[in-house]
């Protein structure tokens, strides 16, 4: 998945806001004031950091070299995914949806 596609997906969720609390080079996506994705705009290769259920995080890290503990984040609850094509686009999209669901306000 390309960086811009990941950004589009993050921004497409109801109530999602693109913010820049860490400076102009990192897009942070929030819902209800809580972060669910971070996308560094100048990372090479591109990455996206997403919140994830801890058990699923471990399984993903074992399955893909491109899934690593969250960079500068709680390593138990966050993954950083290198967007190098080794994680299928549909799985990255599913992980974005999962991260959003974990932090979105429950109705």
N, C-alpha and C. Protein backbone atom coordinates (compact mmCIF):
# COMPACT_ATOMS: atom_id res chain seq x y z
N UNK A 1 0.85 -1.18 0.00
CA UNK A 1 0.00 0.00 0.00
C UNK A 1 0.89 1.23 0.00
N UNK A 2 0.49 2.21 -0.74
CA UNK A 2 1.25 3.45 -0.79
C UNK A 2 0.83 4.35 0.37
N UNK A 3 1.74 5.23 0.77
CA UNK A 3 1.49 6.14 1.89
C UNK A 3 0.20 6.94 1.70
N UNK A 4 0.00 7.50 0.51
CA UNK A 4 -1.18 8.33 0.28
C UNK A 4 -2.47 7.53 0.40
N UNK A 5 -2.45 6.29 -0.03
CA UNK A 5 -3.64 5.43 0.11
C UNK A 5 -3.92 5.17 1.59
N UNK A 6 -2.89 4.93 2.38
CA UNK A 6 -3.08 4.72 3.82
C UNK A 6 -3.68 5.98 4.45
N UNK A 7 -3.19 7.14 4.04
CA UNK A 7 -3.72 8.40 4.57
C UNK A 7 -5.19 8.58 4.18
N UNK A 8 -5.52 8.26 2.94
CA UNK A 8 -6.91 8.37 2.49
C UNK A 8 -7.82 7.46 3.31
N UNK A 9 -7.38 6.24 3.56
CA UNK A 9 -8.19 5.32 4.35
C UNK A 9 -8.38 5.84 5.77
N UNK A 10 -7.32 6.31 6.39
CA UNK A 10 -7.42 6.83 7.75
C UNK A 10 -8.40 7.99 7.82
N UNK A 11 -8.33 8.88 6.85
CA UNK A 11 -9.19 10.06 6.84
C UNK A 11 -10.64 9.75 6.49
N UNK A 12 -10.89 8.57 5.92
CA UNK A 12 -12.23 8.24 5.45
C UNK A 12 -13.20 7.81 6.54
N UNK A 13 -12.71 7.53 7.73
CA UNK A 13 -13.58 7.05 8.80
C UNK A 13 -14.36 8.18 9.45
N UNK A 14 -15.58 7.86 9.87
CA UNK A 14 -16.46 8.85 10.50
C UNK A 14 -15.78 9.50 11.70
N UNK A 15 -15.74 10.81 11.70
CA UNK A 15 -15.16 11.55 12.82
C UNK A 15 -13.66 11.61 12.84
N UNK A 16 -13.00 11.01 11.85
CA UNK A 16 -11.53 11.02 11.82
C UNK A 16 -11.02 12.42 11.52
N UNK A 17 -9.99 12.80 12.25
CA UNK A 17 -9.34 14.10 12.05
C UNK A 17 -7.87 13.89 11.76
N UNK A 18 -7.34 14.62 10.79
CA UNK A 18 -5.90 14.61 10.52
C UNK A 18 -5.30 15.78 11.30
N UNK A 19 -4.37 15.48 12.20
CA UNK A 19 -3.76 16.50 13.04
C UNK A 19 -2.23 16.40 12.93
N UNK A 20 -1.55 17.39 13.47
CA UNK A 20 -0.08 17.43 13.39
C UNK A 20 0.52 17.83 14.75
N UNK A 21 0.22 17.08 15.83
CA UNK A 21 0.72 17.45 17.15
C UNK A 21 2.23 17.26 17.31
N UNK A 22 2.85 16.47 16.45
CA UNK A 22 4.29 16.19 16.54
C UNK A 22 5.09 16.93 15.48
N UNK A 23 4.48 17.90 14.84
CA UNK A 23 5.15 18.66 13.79
C UNK A 23 4.55 18.36 12.43
N UNK A 24 4.96 19.17 11.47
CA UNK A 24 4.35 19.11 10.14
C UNK A 24 4.72 17.89 9.32
N UNK A 25 5.63 17.07 9.79
CA UNK A 25 6.07 15.90 9.01
C UNK A 25 5.43 14.59 9.45
N UNK A 26 4.51 14.64 10.43
CA UNK A 26 3.82 13.42 10.86
C UNK A 26 2.33 13.68 10.97
N UNK A 27 1.57 13.03 10.09
CA UNK A 27 0.11 13.12 10.15
C UNK A 27 -0.37 12.14 11.21
N UNK A 28 -1.17 12.66 12.14
CA UNK A 28 -1.74 11.84 13.21
C UNK A 28 -3.25 11.84 13.03
N UNK A 29 -3.81 10.66 12.94
CA UNK A 29 -5.25 10.52 12.75
C UNK A 29 -5.88 10.17 14.09
N UNK A 30 -6.92 10.96 14.43
CA UNK A 30 -7.61 10.80 15.70
C UNK A 30 -9.10 10.68 15.47
N UNK A 31 -9.75 10.01 16.42
CA UNK A 31 -11.21 9.98 16.47
C UNK A 31 -11.57 10.15 17.95
N UNK A 32 -12.49 11.04 18.21
CA UNK A 32 -12.86 11.30 19.60
C UNK A 32 -11.69 11.77 20.44
N UNK A 33 -10.71 12.43 19.79
CA UNK A 33 -9.53 12.93 20.50
C UNK A 33 -8.46 11.89 20.77
N UNK A 34 -8.65 10.66 20.31
CA UNK A 34 -7.67 9.58 20.54
C UNK A 34 -7.00 9.18 19.23
N UNK A 35 -5.70 8.97 19.31
CA UNK A 35 -4.93 8.57 18.12
C UNK A 35 -5.28 7.14 17.71
N UNK A 36 -5.39 6.94 16.38
CA UNK A 36 -5.49 5.57 15.88
C UNK A 36 -4.49 5.29 14.77
N UNK A 37 -3.82 6.33 14.25
CA UNK A 37 -2.80 6.10 13.21
C UNK A 37 -1.83 7.28 13.16
N UNK A 38 -0.57 6.95 12.88
CA UNK A 38 0.46 7.95 12.66
C UNK A 38 1.13 7.62 11.34
N UNK A 39 1.28 8.62 10.48
CA UNK A 39 1.91 8.43 9.18
C UNK A 39 3.00 9.48 9.00
N UNK A 40 4.27 9.08 9.16
CA UNK A 40 5.36 10.03 8.88
C UNK A 40 5.37 10.35 7.38
N UNK A 41 5.39 11.63 7.06
CA UNK A 41 5.27 12.03 5.65
C UNK A 41 6.58 11.94 4.88
N UNK A 42 7.70 11.79 5.58
CA UNK A 42 8.98 11.72 4.89
C UNK A 42 9.74 10.41 5.15
N UNK A 43 9.09 9.43 5.78
CA UNK A 43 9.76 8.15 6.04
C UNK A 43 10.04 7.44 4.71
N UNK A 44 11.22 6.89 4.60
CA UNK A 44 11.60 6.14 3.40
C UNK A 44 12.30 4.85 3.84
N UNK A 45 11.64 3.71 3.72
CA UNK A 45 10.34 3.48 3.09
C UNK A 45 9.21 4.02 3.96
N UNK A 46 8.04 4.23 3.35
CA UNK A 46 6.91 4.76 4.11
C UNK A 46 6.43 3.77 5.17
N UNK A 47 5.87 4.32 6.24
CA UNK A 47 5.33 3.50 7.33
C UNK A 47 4.00 4.06 7.79
N UNK A 48 3.26 3.23 8.52
CA UNK A 48 2.07 3.66 9.25
C UNK A 48 2.11 2.94 10.59
N UNK A 49 1.82 3.67 11.66
CA UNK A 49 1.75 3.08 12.99
C UNK A 49 0.29 3.01 13.40
N UNK A 50 -0.12 1.83 13.88
CA UNK A 50 -1.52 1.58 14.19
C UNK A 50 -1.67 0.88 15.53
N UNK A 51 -2.73 1.23 16.25
CA UNK A 51 -3.06 0.54 17.49
C UNK A 51 -3.56 -0.85 17.12
N UNK A 52 -3.27 -1.84 17.99
CA UNK A 52 -3.65 -3.21 17.67
C UNK A 52 -3.82 -4.01 18.95
N UNK A 53 -4.75 -4.96 18.93
CA UNK A 53 -4.90 -5.89 20.03
C UNK A 53 -3.55 -6.58 20.26
N UNK A 54 -3.07 -6.65 21.52
CA UNK A 54 -1.73 -7.20 21.79
C UNK A 54 -1.50 -8.61 21.25
N UNK A 55 -2.49 -9.48 21.32
CA UNK A 55 -2.29 -10.84 20.81
C UNK A 55 -2.16 -10.85 19.29
N UNK A 56 -2.95 -10.04 18.63
CA UNK A 56 -2.88 -9.94 17.16
C UNK A 56 -1.55 -9.29 16.77
N UNK A 57 -1.11 -8.30 17.56
CA UNK A 57 0.18 -7.65 17.28
C UNK A 57 1.29 -8.68 17.20
N UNK A 58 1.32 -9.56 18.18
CA UNK A 58 2.38 -10.58 18.23
C UNK A 58 2.31 -11.50 17.02
N UNK A 59 1.10 -11.92 16.65
CA UNK A 59 0.94 -12.80 15.49
C UNK A 59 1.40 -12.10 14.21
N UNK A 60 1.06 -10.82 14.06
CA UNK A 60 1.47 -10.07 12.87
C UNK A 60 2.98 -9.92 12.81
N UNK A 61 3.60 -9.64 13.95
CA UNK A 61 5.06 -9.47 13.98
C UNK A 61 5.77 -10.77 13.62
N UNK A 62 5.17 -11.89 14.00
CA UNK A 62 5.75 -13.19 13.65
C UNK A 62 5.53 -13.54 12.18
N UNK A 63 4.45 -13.03 11.61
CA UNK A 63 4.10 -13.36 10.21
C UNK A 63 4.82 -12.48 9.19
N UNK A 64 5.11 -11.22 9.56
CA UNK A 64 5.67 -10.27 8.59
C UNK A 64 6.88 -9.54 9.17
N UNK A 65 7.97 -9.53 8.44
CA UNK A 65 9.14 -8.75 8.84
C UNK A 65 8.83 -7.26 8.84
N UNK A 66 7.86 -6.84 8.04
CA UNK A 66 7.51 -5.42 7.91
C UNK A 66 6.64 -4.90 9.05
N UNK A 67 6.21 -5.78 9.95
CA UNK A 67 5.41 -5.36 11.11
C UNK A 67 6.32 -5.42 12.33
N UNK A 68 6.50 -4.25 12.93
CA UNK A 68 7.44 -4.10 14.05
C UNK A 68 6.73 -3.44 15.22
N UNK A 69 7.31 -3.59 16.42
CA UNK A 69 6.73 -2.87 17.56
C UNK A 69 6.67 -1.37 17.26
N UNK A 70 5.65 -0.71 17.75
CA UNK A 70 5.42 0.70 17.47
C UNK A 70 6.62 1.58 17.76
N UNK A 71 7.02 2.37 16.78
CA UNK A 71 8.15 3.28 16.89
C UNK A 71 7.75 4.45 17.78
N UNK A 72 8.43 4.63 18.89
CA UNK A 72 8.14 5.69 19.87
C UNK A 72 6.74 5.59 20.46
N UNK A 73 6.19 4.38 20.52
CA UNK A 73 4.84 4.16 21.04
C UNK A 73 4.86 2.97 21.99
N UNK A 74 3.75 2.75 22.69
CA UNK A 74 3.64 1.58 23.57
C UNK A 74 3.77 0.32 22.71
N UNK A 75 4.83 -0.41 22.90
CA UNK A 75 5.16 -1.54 22.02
C UNK A 75 4.17 -2.70 22.16
N UNK A 76 3.43 -2.74 23.25
CA UNK A 76 2.44 -3.81 23.45
C UNK A 76 1.18 -3.54 22.62
N UNK A 77 0.82 -2.27 22.44
CA UNK A 77 -0.45 -1.92 21.82
C UNK A 77 -0.33 -1.28 20.44
N UNK A 78 0.87 -1.04 19.96
CA UNK A 78 1.05 -0.36 18.68
C UNK A 78 2.05 -1.12 17.81
N UNK A 79 1.76 -1.15 16.51
CA UNK A 79 2.67 -1.69 15.50
C UNK A 79 3.03 -0.59 14.52
N UNK A 80 4.25 -0.64 14.03
CA UNK A 80 4.65 0.18 12.89
C UNK A 80 4.80 -0.77 11.71
N UNK A 81 4.08 -0.47 10.63
CA UNK A 81 4.08 -1.32 9.45
C UNK A 81 4.84 -0.60 8.34
N UNK A 82 5.87 -1.25 7.83
CA UNK A 82 6.61 -0.71 6.70
C UNK A 82 5.78 -1.00 5.45
N UNK A 83 5.46 0.03 4.71
CA UNK A 83 4.62 -0.10 3.52
C UNK A 83 5.50 -0.41 2.31
N UNK A 84 6.06 -1.62 2.32
CA UNK A 84 6.96 -2.05 1.25
C UNK A 84 6.32 -3.07 0.32
N UNK A 85 5.03 -3.33 0.51
CA UNK A 85 4.32 -4.28 -0.34
C UNK A 85 4.29 -5.69 0.22
N UNK A 86 5.04 -5.97 1.27
CA UNK A 86 5.08 -7.33 1.80
C UNK A 86 3.86 -7.68 2.64
N UNK A 87 3.17 -6.68 3.18
CA UNK A 87 1.90 -6.90 3.86
C UNK A 87 0.82 -6.53 2.84
N UNK A 88 -0.06 -7.47 2.50
CA UNK A 88 -1.07 -7.19 1.47
C UNK A 88 -1.91 -5.95 1.79
N UNK A 89 -2.28 -5.22 0.75
CA UNK A 89 -3.07 -4.00 0.92
C UNK A 89 -4.35 -4.23 1.72
N UNK A 90 -5.04 -5.35 1.45
CA UNK A 90 -6.28 -5.60 2.17
C UNK A 90 -6.03 -5.84 3.65
N UNK A 91 -4.89 -6.40 4.00
CA UNK A 91 -4.57 -6.60 5.41
C UNK A 91 -4.22 -5.27 6.08
N UNK A 92 -3.49 -4.40 5.38
CA UNK A 92 -3.20 -3.07 5.93
C UNK A 92 -4.51 -2.32 6.14
N UNK A 93 -5.42 -2.41 5.18
CA UNK A 93 -6.72 -1.75 5.32
C UNK A 93 -7.48 -2.31 6.52
N UNK A 94 -7.42 -3.61 6.71
CA UNK A 94 -8.08 -4.23 7.86
C UNK A 94 -7.46 -3.76 9.17
N UNK A 95 -6.15 -3.60 9.19
CA UNK A 95 -5.47 -3.13 10.40
C UNK A 95 -5.81 -1.67 10.71
N UNK A 96 -5.97 -0.85 9.68
CA UNK A 96 -6.40 0.53 9.88
C UNK A 96 -7.81 0.53 10.49
N UNK A 97 -8.70 -0.28 9.94
CA UNK A 97 -10.07 -0.37 10.45
C UNK A 97 -10.08 -0.86 11.90
N UNK A 98 -9.24 -1.84 12.21
CA UNK A 98 -9.14 -2.39 13.57
C UNK A 98 -8.66 -1.31 14.53
N UNK A 99 -7.65 -0.55 14.15
CA UNK A 99 -7.12 0.50 14.99
C UNK A 99 -8.19 1.56 15.26
N UNK A 100 -8.89 1.97 14.22
CA UNK A 100 -9.98 2.93 14.37
C UNK A 100 -11.04 2.39 15.34
N UNK A 101 -11.43 1.13 15.17
CA UNK A 101 -12.47 0.54 16.02
C UNK A 101 -12.04 0.47 17.49
N UNK A 102 -10.75 0.27 17.73
CA UNK A 102 -10.27 0.19 19.11
C UNK A 102 -10.42 1.51 19.87
N UNK A 103 -10.29 2.63 19.17
CA UNK A 103 -10.31 3.93 19.86
C UNK A 103 -11.57 4.75 19.61
N UNK A 104 -12.40 4.36 18.64
CA UNK A 104 -13.57 5.17 18.34
C UNK A 104 -14.57 5.09 19.50
N UNK A 105 -15.26 6.21 19.73
CA UNK A 105 -16.25 6.22 20.82
C UNK A 105 -17.32 5.15 20.60
N UNK A 106 -17.61 4.42 21.65
CA UNK A 106 -18.64 3.37 21.56
C UNK A 106 -20.00 4.02 21.70
N UNK A 107 -20.93 3.56 20.89
CA UNK A 107 -22.28 4.15 20.94
C UNK A 107 -23.24 3.23 21.65
